[in-house]
Amino acid sequence: MERIWAAWRSEYVTSGDVFDDAACVLCKVIEDGTYVVWRDDQVAVILNAFPYTSGHVMVLPVRHVGEVEDIAREEVGPGW
């Protein structure tokens, strides 16, 4: 599976109400800080606006990265 698609989220994604001027919505979420639970210089943990399960969070690098393969070892976490 290459993509998870939840069609019922389409209105939220296309509404433009969230971050319509953002080149990268995840970078904007980190910058805004509203959904950030924890952050250091390399990694941020953010809440998902529409979680699949209770307590679902996303862990992502603070640095803008276009491909998963481009994430540095230090951004993944120690021992991972």
PDB file of N, CA and C in Angstrom:
ATOM      1  N   MET A   1       0.849  -1.172   0.000  1.00  0.00           N
ATOM      2  CA  MET A   1       0.000   0.000   0.000  1.00  0.00           C
ATOM      3  C   MET A   1       0.897   1.239   0.000  1.00  0.00           C
ATOM      4  N   GLU A   2       0.706   2.109  -0.958  1.00  0.00           N
ATOM      5  CA  GLU A   2       1.519   3.314  -1.043  1.00  0.00           C
ATOM      6  C   GLU A   2       0.871   4.502  -0.356  1.00  0.00           C
ATOM      7  N   ARG A   3      -0.460   4.552  -0.298  1.00  0.00           N
ATOM      8  CA  ARG A   3      -1.147   5.689   0.310  1.00  0.00           C
ATOM      9  C   ARG A   3      -2.367   5.203   1.095  1.00  0.00           C
ATOM     10  N   ILE A   4      -2.616   5.894   2.187  1.00  0.00           N
ATOM     11  CA  ILE A   4      -3.853   5.649   2.924  1.00  0.00           C
ATOM     12  C   ILE A   4      -4.793   6.789   2.545  1.00  0.00           C
ATOM     13  N   TRP A   5      -5.960   6.467   2.073  1.00  0.00           N
ATOM     14  CA  TRP A   5      -6.904   7.492   1.631  1.00  0.00           C
ATOM     15  C   TRP A   5      -8.202   7.368   2.398  1.00  0.00           C
ATOM     16  N   ALA A   6      -8.566   8.423   3.058  1.00  0.00           N
ATOM     17  CA  ALA A   6      -9.836   8.475   3.770  1.00  0.00           C
ATOM     18  C   ALA A   6     -10.654   9.583   3.103  1.00  0.00           C
ATOM     19  N   ALA A   7     -11.518   9.199   2.206  1.00  0.00           N
ATOM     20  CA  ALA A   7     -12.267  10.166   1.401  1.00  0.00           C
ATOM     21  C   ALA A   7     -13.063  11.166   2.236  1.00  0.00           C
ATOM     22  N   TRP A   8     -13.511  10.765   3.415  1.00  0.00           N
ATOM     23  CA  TRP A   8     -14.304  11.666   4.241  1.00  0.00           C
ATOM     24  C   TRP A   8     -13.479  12.850   4.760  1.00  0.00           C
ATOM     25  N   ARG A   9     -12.150  12.792   4.612  1.00  0.00           N
ATOM     26  CA  ARG A   9     -11.305  13.912   5.035  1.00  0.00           C
ATOM     27  C   ARG A   9     -11.070  14.915   3.909  1.00  0.00           C
ATOM     28  N   SER A  10     -11.544  14.625   2.752  1.00  0.00           N
ATOM     29  CA  SER A  10     -11.295  15.457   1.586  1.00  0.00           C
ATOM     30  C   SER A  10     -11.709  16.909   1.797  1.00  0.00           C
ATOM     31  N   GLU A  11     -12.856  17.135   2.393  1.00  0.00           N
ATOM     32  CA  GLU A  11     -13.329  18.509   2.619  1.00  0.00           C
ATOM     33  C   GLU A  11     -12.353  19.279   3.509  1.00  0.00           C
ATOM     34  N   TYR A  12     -11.851  18.646   4.565  1.00  0.00           N
ATOM     35  CA  TYR A  12     -10.883  19.284   5.462  1.00  0.00           C
ATOM     36  C   TYR A  12      -9.590  19.627   4.725  1.00  0.00           C
ATOM     37  N   VAL A  13      -9.112  18.708   3.921  1.00  0.00           N
ATOM     38  CA  VAL A  13      -7.842  18.892   3.228  1.00  0.00           C
ATOM     39  C   VAL A  13      -7.942  19.979   2.164  1.00  0.00           C
ATOM     40  N   THR A  14      -9.045  20.050   1.469  1.00  0.00           N
ATOM     41  CA  THR A  14      -9.183  21.005   0.370  1.00  0.00           C
ATOM     42  C   THR A  14      -9.813  22.336   0.763  1.00  0.00           C
ATOM     43  N   SER A  15     -10.246  22.476   2.012  1.00  0.00           N
ATOM     44  CA  SER A  15     -10.958  23.691   2.425  1.00  0.00           C
ATOM     45  C   SER A  15     -10.079  24.929   2.411  1.00  0.00           C
ATOM     46  N   GLY A  16      -8.772  24.776   2.628  1.00  0.00           N
ATOM     47  CA  GLY A  16      -7.904  25.942   2.662  1.00  0.00           C
ATOM     48  C   GLY A  16      -7.963  26.681   3.979  1.00  0.00           C
ATOM     49  N   ASP A  17      -8.781  26.219   4.914  1.00  0.00           N
ATOM     50  CA  ASP A  17      -8.919  26.903   6.198  1.00  0.00           C
ATOM     51  C   ASP A  17      -7.741  26.664   7.125  1.00  0.00           C
ATOM     52  N   VAL A  18      -7.033  25.593   6.925  1.00  0.00           N
ATOM     53  CA  VAL A  18      -5.982  25.219   7.863  1.00  0.00           C
ATOM     54  C   VAL A  18      -4.726  26.047   7.607  1.00  0.00           C
ATOM     55  N   PHE A  19      -4.023  25.777   6.542  1.00  0.00           N
ATOM     56  CA  PHE A  19      -2.802  26.497   6.201  1.00  0.00           C
ATOM     57  C   PHE A  19      -2.746  26.653   4.697  1.00  0.00           C
ATOM     58  N   ASP A  20      -3.603  27.485   4.149  1.00  0.00           N
ATOM     59  CA  ASP A  20      -3.710  27.595   2.704  1.00  0.00           C
ATOM     60  C   ASP A  20      -2.481  28.206   2.037  1.00  0.00           C
ATOM     61  N   ASP A  21      -1.645  28.911   2.792  1.00  0.00           N
ATOM     62  CA  ASP A  21      -0.472  29.530   2.192  1.00  0.00           C
ATOM     63  C   ASP A  21       0.801  28.710   2.410  1.00  0.00           C
ATOM     64  N   ALA A  22       0.682  27.559   3.010  1.00  0.00           N
ATOM     65  CA  ALA A  22       1.858  26.757   3.357  1.00  0.00           C
ATOM     66  C   ALA A  22       2.349  25.932   2.182  1.00  0.00           C
ATOM     67  N   ALA A  23       3.636  25.976   1.965  1.00  0.00           N
ATOM     68  CA  ALA A  23       4.229  25.105   0.959  1.00  0.00           C
ATOM     69  C   ALA A  23       4.260  23.674   1.480  1.00  0.00           C
ATOM     70  N   CYS A  24       4.443  23.536   2.786  1.00  0.00           N
ATOM     71  CA  CYS A  24       4.467  22.216   3.414  1.00  0.00           C
ATOM     72  C   CYS A  24       3.636  22.307   4.692  1.00  0.00           C
ATOM     73  N   VAL A  25       2.535  21.605   4.738  1.00  0.00           N
ATOM     74  CA  VAL A  25       1.623  21.705   5.872  1.00  0.00           C
ATOM     75  C   VAL A  25       2.277  21.219   7.161  1.00  0.00           C
ATOM     76  N   LEU A  26       3.131  20.204   7.106  1.00  0.00           N
ATOM     77  CA  LEU A  26       3.779  19.716   8.322  1.00  0.00           C
ATOM     78  C   LEU A  26       4.770  20.743   8.872  1.00  0.00           C
ATOM     79  N   CYS A  27       5.508  21.410   7.996  1.00  0.00           N
ATOM     80  CA  CYS A  27       6.410  22.480   8.451  1.00  0.00           C
ATOM     81  C   CYS A  27       5.612  23.601   9.104  1.00  0.00           C
ATOM     82  N   LYS A  28       4.478  23.940   8.533  1.00  0.00           N
ATOM     83  CA  LYS A  28       3.632  24.999   9.076  1.00  0.00           C
ATOM     84  C   LYS A  28       3.059  24.598  10.430  1.00  0.00           C
ATOM     85  N   VAL A  29       2.669  23.339  10.597  1.00  0.00           N
ATOM     86  CA  VAL A  29       2.143  22.859  11.879  1.00  0.00           C
ATOM     87  C   VAL A  29       3.214  22.986  12.955  1.00  0.00           C
ATOM     88  N   ILE A  30       4.434  22.599  12.638  1.00  0.00           N
ATOM     89  CA  ILE A  30       5.534  22.724  13.600  1.00  0.00           C
ATOM     90  C   ILE A  30       5.781  24.188  13.937  1.00  0.00           C
ATOM     91  N   GLU A  31       5.807  25.027  12.934  1.00  0.00           N
ATOM     92  CA  GLU A  31       6.047  26.459  13.131  1.00  0.00           C
ATOM     93  C   GLU A  31       4.950  27.094  13.979  1.00  0.00           C
ATOM     94  N   ASP A  32       3.709  26.734  13.702  1.00  0.00           N
ATOM     95  CA  ASP A  32       2.554  27.286  14.419  1.00  0.00           C
ATOM     96  C   ASP A  32       2.561  26.854  15.885  1.00  0.00           C
ATOM     97  N   GLY A  33       2.887  25.594  16.139  1.00  0.00           N
ATOM     98  CA  GLY A  33       3.012  25.097  17.502  1.00  0.00           C
ATOM     99  C   GLY A  33       1.737  24.637  18.172  1.00  0.00           C
ATOM    100  N   THR A  34       0.586  24.858  17.552  1.00  0.00           N
ATOM    101  CA  THR A  34      -0.692  24.505  18.180  1.00  0.00           C
ATOM    102  C   THR A  34      -0.814  23.019  18.480  1.00  0.00           C
ATOM    103  N   TYR A  35      -0.392  22.174  17.566  1.00  0.00           N
ATOM    104  CA  TYR A  35      -0.533  20.731  17.724  1.00  0.00           C
ATOM    105  C   TYR A  35       0.742  20.054  18.224  1.00  0.00           C
ATOM    106  N   VAL A  36       1.776  20.836  18.518  1.00  0.00           N
ATOM    107  CA  VAL A  36       3.053  20.265  18.953  1.00  0.00           C
ATOM    108  C   VAL A  36       2.967  19.841  20.415  1.00  0.00           C
ATOM    109  N   VAL A  37       3.229  18.557  20.661  1.00  0.00           N
ATOM    110  CA  VAL A  37       3.216  18.006  22.015  1.00  0.00           C
ATOM    111  C   VAL A  37       4.608  18.096  22.626  1.00  0.00           C
ATOM    112  N   TRP A  38       5.631  17.847  21.825  1.00  0.00           N
ATOM    113  CA  TRP A  38       7.021  17.879  22.269  1.00  0.00           C
ATOM    114  C   TRP A  38       7.898  18.185  21.078  1.00  0.00           C
ATOM    115  N   ARG A  39       9.029  18.833  21.366  1.00  0.00           N
ATOM    116  CA  ARG A  39       9.925  19.205  20.278  1.00  0.00           C
ATOM    117  C   ARG A  39      11.326  19.421  20.817  1.00  0.00           C
ATOM    118  N   ASP A  40      12.322  19.048  20.018  1.00  0.00           N
ATOM    119  CA  ASP A  40      13.694  19.461  20.283  1.00  0.00           C
ATOM    120  C   ASP A  40      14.237  20.032  18.981  1.00  0.00           C
ATOM    121  N   ASP A  41      15.543  20.132  18.838  1.00  0.00           N
ATOM    122  CA  ASP A  41      16.113  20.746  17.637  1.00  0.00           C
ATOM    123  C   ASP A  41      15.925  19.929  16.370  1.00  0.00           C
ATOM    124  N   GLN A  42      15.726  18.607  16.511  1.00  0.00           N
ATOM    125  CA  GLN A  42      15.679  17.756  15.329  1.00  0.00           C
ATOM    126  C   GLN A  42      14.339  17.070  15.096  1.00  0.00           C
ATOM    127  N   VAL A  43      13.566  16.847  16.149  1.00  0.00           N
ATOM    128  CA  VAL A  43      12.348  16.043  16.036  1.00  0.00           C
ATOM    129  C   VAL A  43      11.186  16.741  16.741  1.00  0.00           C
ATOM    130  N   ALA A  44       9.986  16.588  16.193  1.00  0.00           N
ATOM    131  CA  ALA A  44       8.773  17.104  16.826  1.00  0.00           C
ATOM    132  C   ALA A  44       7.734  15.991  16.893  1.00  0.00           C
ATOM    133  N   VAL A  45       6.951  16.006  17.951  1.00  0.00           N
ATOM    134  CA  VAL A  45       5.819  15.093  18.103  1.00  0.00           C
ATOM    135  C   VAL A  45       4.576  15.962  18.043  1.00  0.00           C
ATOM    136  N   ILE A  46       3.687  15.660  17.088  1.00  0.00           N
ATOM    137  CA  ILE A  46       2.491  16.484  16.920  1.00  0.00           C
ATOM    138  C   ILE A  46       1.232  15.627  17.003  1.00  0.00           C
ATOM    139  N   LEU A  47       0.149  16.264  17.412  1.00  0.00           N
ATOM    140  CA  LEU A  47      -1.152  15.614  17.432  1.00  0.00           C
ATOM    141  C   LEU A  47      -1.707  15.564  16.022  1.00  0.00           C
ATOM    142  N   ASN A  48      -2.432  14.534  15.721  1.00  0.00           N
ATOM    143  CA  ASN A  48      -3.111  14.399  14.444  1.00  0.00           C
ATOM    144  C   ASN A  48      -4.502  15.008  14.599  1.00  0.00           C
ATOM    145  N   ALA A  49      -4.874  15.918  13.728  1.00  0.00           N
ATOM    146  CA  ALA A  49      -6.186  16.558  13.811  1.00  0.00           C
ATOM    147  C   ALA A  49      -7.326  15.547  13.671  1.00  0.00           C
ATOM    148  N   PHE A  50      -7.100  14.490  12.915  1.00  0.00           N
ATOM    149  CA  PHE A  50      -8.091  13.431  12.730  1.00  0.00           C
ATOM    150  C   PHE A  50      -7.422  12.084  12.990  1.00  0.00           C
ATOM    151  N   PRO A  51      -7.210  11.734  14.259  1.00  0.00           N
ATOM    152  CA  PRO A  51      -6.475  10.506  14.571  1.00  0.00           C
ATOM    153  C   PRO A  51      -7.237   9.244  14.185  1.00  0.00           C
ATOM    154  N   TYR A  52      -6.487   8.226  13.805  1.00  0.00           N
ATOM    155  CA  TYR A  52      -7.072   6.923  13.508  1.00  0.00           C
ATOM    156  C   TYR A  52      -7.503   6.227  14.784  1.00  0.00           C
ATOM    157  N   THR A  53      -6.752   6.431  15.864  1.00  0.00           N
ATOM    158  CA  THR A  53      -7.083   5.870  17.171  1.00  0.00           C
ATOM    159  C   THR A  53      -6.809   6.919  18.233  1.00  0.00           C
ATOM    160  N   SER A  54      -7.367   6.747  19.418  1.00  0.00           N
ATOM    161  CA  SER A  54      -7.124   7.675  20.518  1.00  0.00           C
ATOM    162  C   SER A  54      -5.634   7.722  20.833  1.00  0.00           C
ATOM    163  N   GLY A  55      -5.127   8.911  21.043  1.00  0.00           N
ATOM    164  CA  GLY A  55      -3.727   9.062  21.393  1.00  0.00           C
ATOM    165  C   GLY A  55      -2.765   9.008  20.231  1.00  0.00           C
ATOM    166  N   HIS A  56      -3.267   8.944  19.011  1.00  0.00           N
ATOM    167  CA  HIS A  56      -2.400   8.872  17.833  1.00  0.00           C
ATOM    168  C   HIS A  56      -1.628  10.175  17.675  1.00  0.00           C
ATOM    169  N   VAL A  57      -0.313  10.065  17.592  1.00  0.00           N
ATOM    170  CA  VAL A  57       0.542  11.215  17.343  1.00  0.00           C
ATOM    171  C   VAL A  57       1.437  10.914  16.150  1.00  0.00           C
ATOM    172  N   MET A  58       2.046  11.946  15.623  1.00  0.00           N
ATOM    173  CA  MET A  58       2.997  11.783  14.524  1.00  0.00           C
ATOM    174  C   MET A  58       4.348  12.322  14.972  1.00  0.00           C
ATOM    175  N   VAL A  59       5.390  11.588  14.669  1.00  0.00           N
ATOM    176  CA  VAL A  59       6.752  12.000  14.975  1.00  0.00           C
ATOM    177  C   VAL A  59       7.412  12.344  13.651  1.00  0.00           C
ATOM    178  N   LEU A  60       7.955  13.550  13.550  1.00  0.00           N
ATOM    179  CA  LEU A  60       8.542  13.963  12.288  1.00  0.00           C
ATOM    180  C   LEU A  60       9.750  14.858  12.512  1.00  0.00           C
ATOM    181  N   PRO A  61      10.636  14.914  11.534  1.00  0.00           N
ATOM    182  CA  PRO A  61      11.809  15.782  11.672  1.00  0.00           C
ATOM    183  C   PRO A  61      11.389  17.246  11.606  1.00  0.00           C
ATOM    184  N   VAL A  62      12.087  18.097  12.341  1.00  0.00           N
ATOM    185  CA  VAL A  62      11.828  19.535  12.296  1.00  0.00           C
ATOM    186  C   VAL A  62      12.291  20.094  10.952  1.00  0.00           C
ATOM    187  N   ARG A  63      13.361  19.557  10.432  1.00  0.00           N
ATOM    188  CA  ARG A  63      13.895  19.973   9.130  1.00  0.00           C
ATOM    189  C   ARG A  63      12.946  19.492   8.036  1.00  0.00           C
ATOM    190  N   HIS A  64      12.685  20.345   7.053  1.00  0.00           N
ATOM    191  CA  HIS A  64      11.836  19.941   5.930  1.00  0.00           C
ATOM    192  C   HIS A  64      12.534  18.845   5.135  1.00  0.00           C
ATOM    193  N   VAL A  65      11.844  17.731   4.967  1.00  0.00           N
ATOM    194  CA  VAL A  65      12.375  16.596   4.220  1.00  0.00           C
ATOM    195  C   VAL A  65      11.284  16.138   3.256  1.00  0.00           C
ATOM    196  N   GLY A  66      11.626  16.029   1.987  1.00  0.00           N
ATOM    197  CA  GLY A  66      10.642  15.653   0.988  1.00  0.00           C
ATOM    198  C   GLY A  66      10.407  14.164   0.854  1.00  0.00           C
ATOM    199  N   GLU A  67      11.390  13.362   1.221  1.00  0.00           N
ATOM    200  CA  GLU A  67      11.292  11.913   1.091  1.00  0.00           C
ATOM    201  C   GLU A  67      11.748  11.247   2.384  1.00  0.00           C
ATOM    202  N   VAL A  68      11.089  10.167   2.759  1.00  0.00           N
ATOM    203  CA  VAL A  68      11.451   9.438   3.973  1.00  0.00           C
ATOM    204  C   VAL A  68      12.915   9.021   3.930  1.00  0.00           C
ATOM    205  N   GLU A  69      13.397   8.645   2.773  1.00  0.00           N
ATOM    206  CA  GLU A  69      14.777   8.196   2.621  1.00  0.00           C
ATOM    207  C   GLU A  69      15.791   9.286   2.945  1.00  0.00           C
ATOM    208  N   ASP A  70      15.368  10.547   2.929  1.00  0.00           N
ATOM    209  CA  ASP A  70      16.274  11.669   3.180  1.00  0.00           C
ATOM    210  C   ASP A  70      16.389  12.031   4.659  1.00  0.00           C
ATOM    211  N   ILE A  71      15.653  11.372   5.522  1.00  0.00           N
ATOM    212  CA  ILE A  71      15.720  11.665   6.954  1.00  0.00           C
ATOM    213  C   ILE A  71      17.044  11.140   7.502  1.00  0.00           C
ATOM    214  N   ALA A  72      17.754  11.994   8.226  1.00  0.00           N
ATOM    215  CA  ALA A  72      19.046  11.623   8.805  1.00  0.00           C
ATOM    216  C   ALA A  72      18.853  10.687   9.993  1.00  0.00           C
ATOM    217  N   ARG A  73      19.844   9.879  10.258  1.00  0.00           N
ATOM    218  CA  ARG A  73      19.786   8.924  11.376  1.00  0.00           C
ATOM    219  C   ARG A  73      19.490   9.637  12.692  1.00  0.00           C
ATOM    220  N   GLU A  74      20.060  10.814  12.902  1.00  0.00           N
ATOM    221  CA  GLU A  74      19.857  11.583  14.130  1.00  0.00           C
ATOM    222  C   GLU A  74      18.397  12.034  14.284  1.00  0.00           C
ATOM    223  N   GLU A  75      17.700  12.183  13.167  1.00  0.00           N
ATOM    224  CA  GLU A  75      16.297  12.615  13.205  1.00  0.00           C
ATOM    225  C   GLU A  75      15.344  11.453  13.460  1.00  0.00           C
ATOM    226  N   VAL A  76      15.817  10.240  13.272  1.00  0.00           N
ATOM    227  CA  VAL A  76      14.985   9.070  13.504  1.00  0.00           C
ATOM    228  C   VAL A  76      14.914   8.754  14.988  1.00  0.00           C
ATOM    229  N   GLY A  77      16.021   8.877  15.671  1.00  0.00           N
ATOM    230  CA  GLY A  77      16.064   8.626  17.099  1.00  0.00           C
ATOM    231  C   GLY A  77      17.144   7.627  17.440  1.00  0.00           C
ATOM    232  N   PRO A  78      17.642   7.691  18.642  1.00  0.00           N
ATOM    233  CA  PRO A  78      18.723   6.789  19.041  1.00  0.00           C
ATOM    234  C   PRO A  78      18.255   5.346  19.087  1.00  0.00           C
ATOM    235  N   GLY A  79      19.030   4.482  18.484  1.00  0.00           N
ATOM    236  CA  GLY A  79      18.751   3.057  18.531  1.00  0.00           C
ATOM    237  C   GLY A  79      17.628   2.577  17.636  1.00  0.00           C
ATOM    238  N   TRP A  80      17.081   3.426  16.765  1.00  0.00           N
ATOM    239  CA  TRP A  80      15.964   3.006  15.913  1.00  0.00           C
ATOM    240  C   TRP A  80      16.482   2.525  14.595  1.00  0.00           C
TER     241      TRP A  80
END
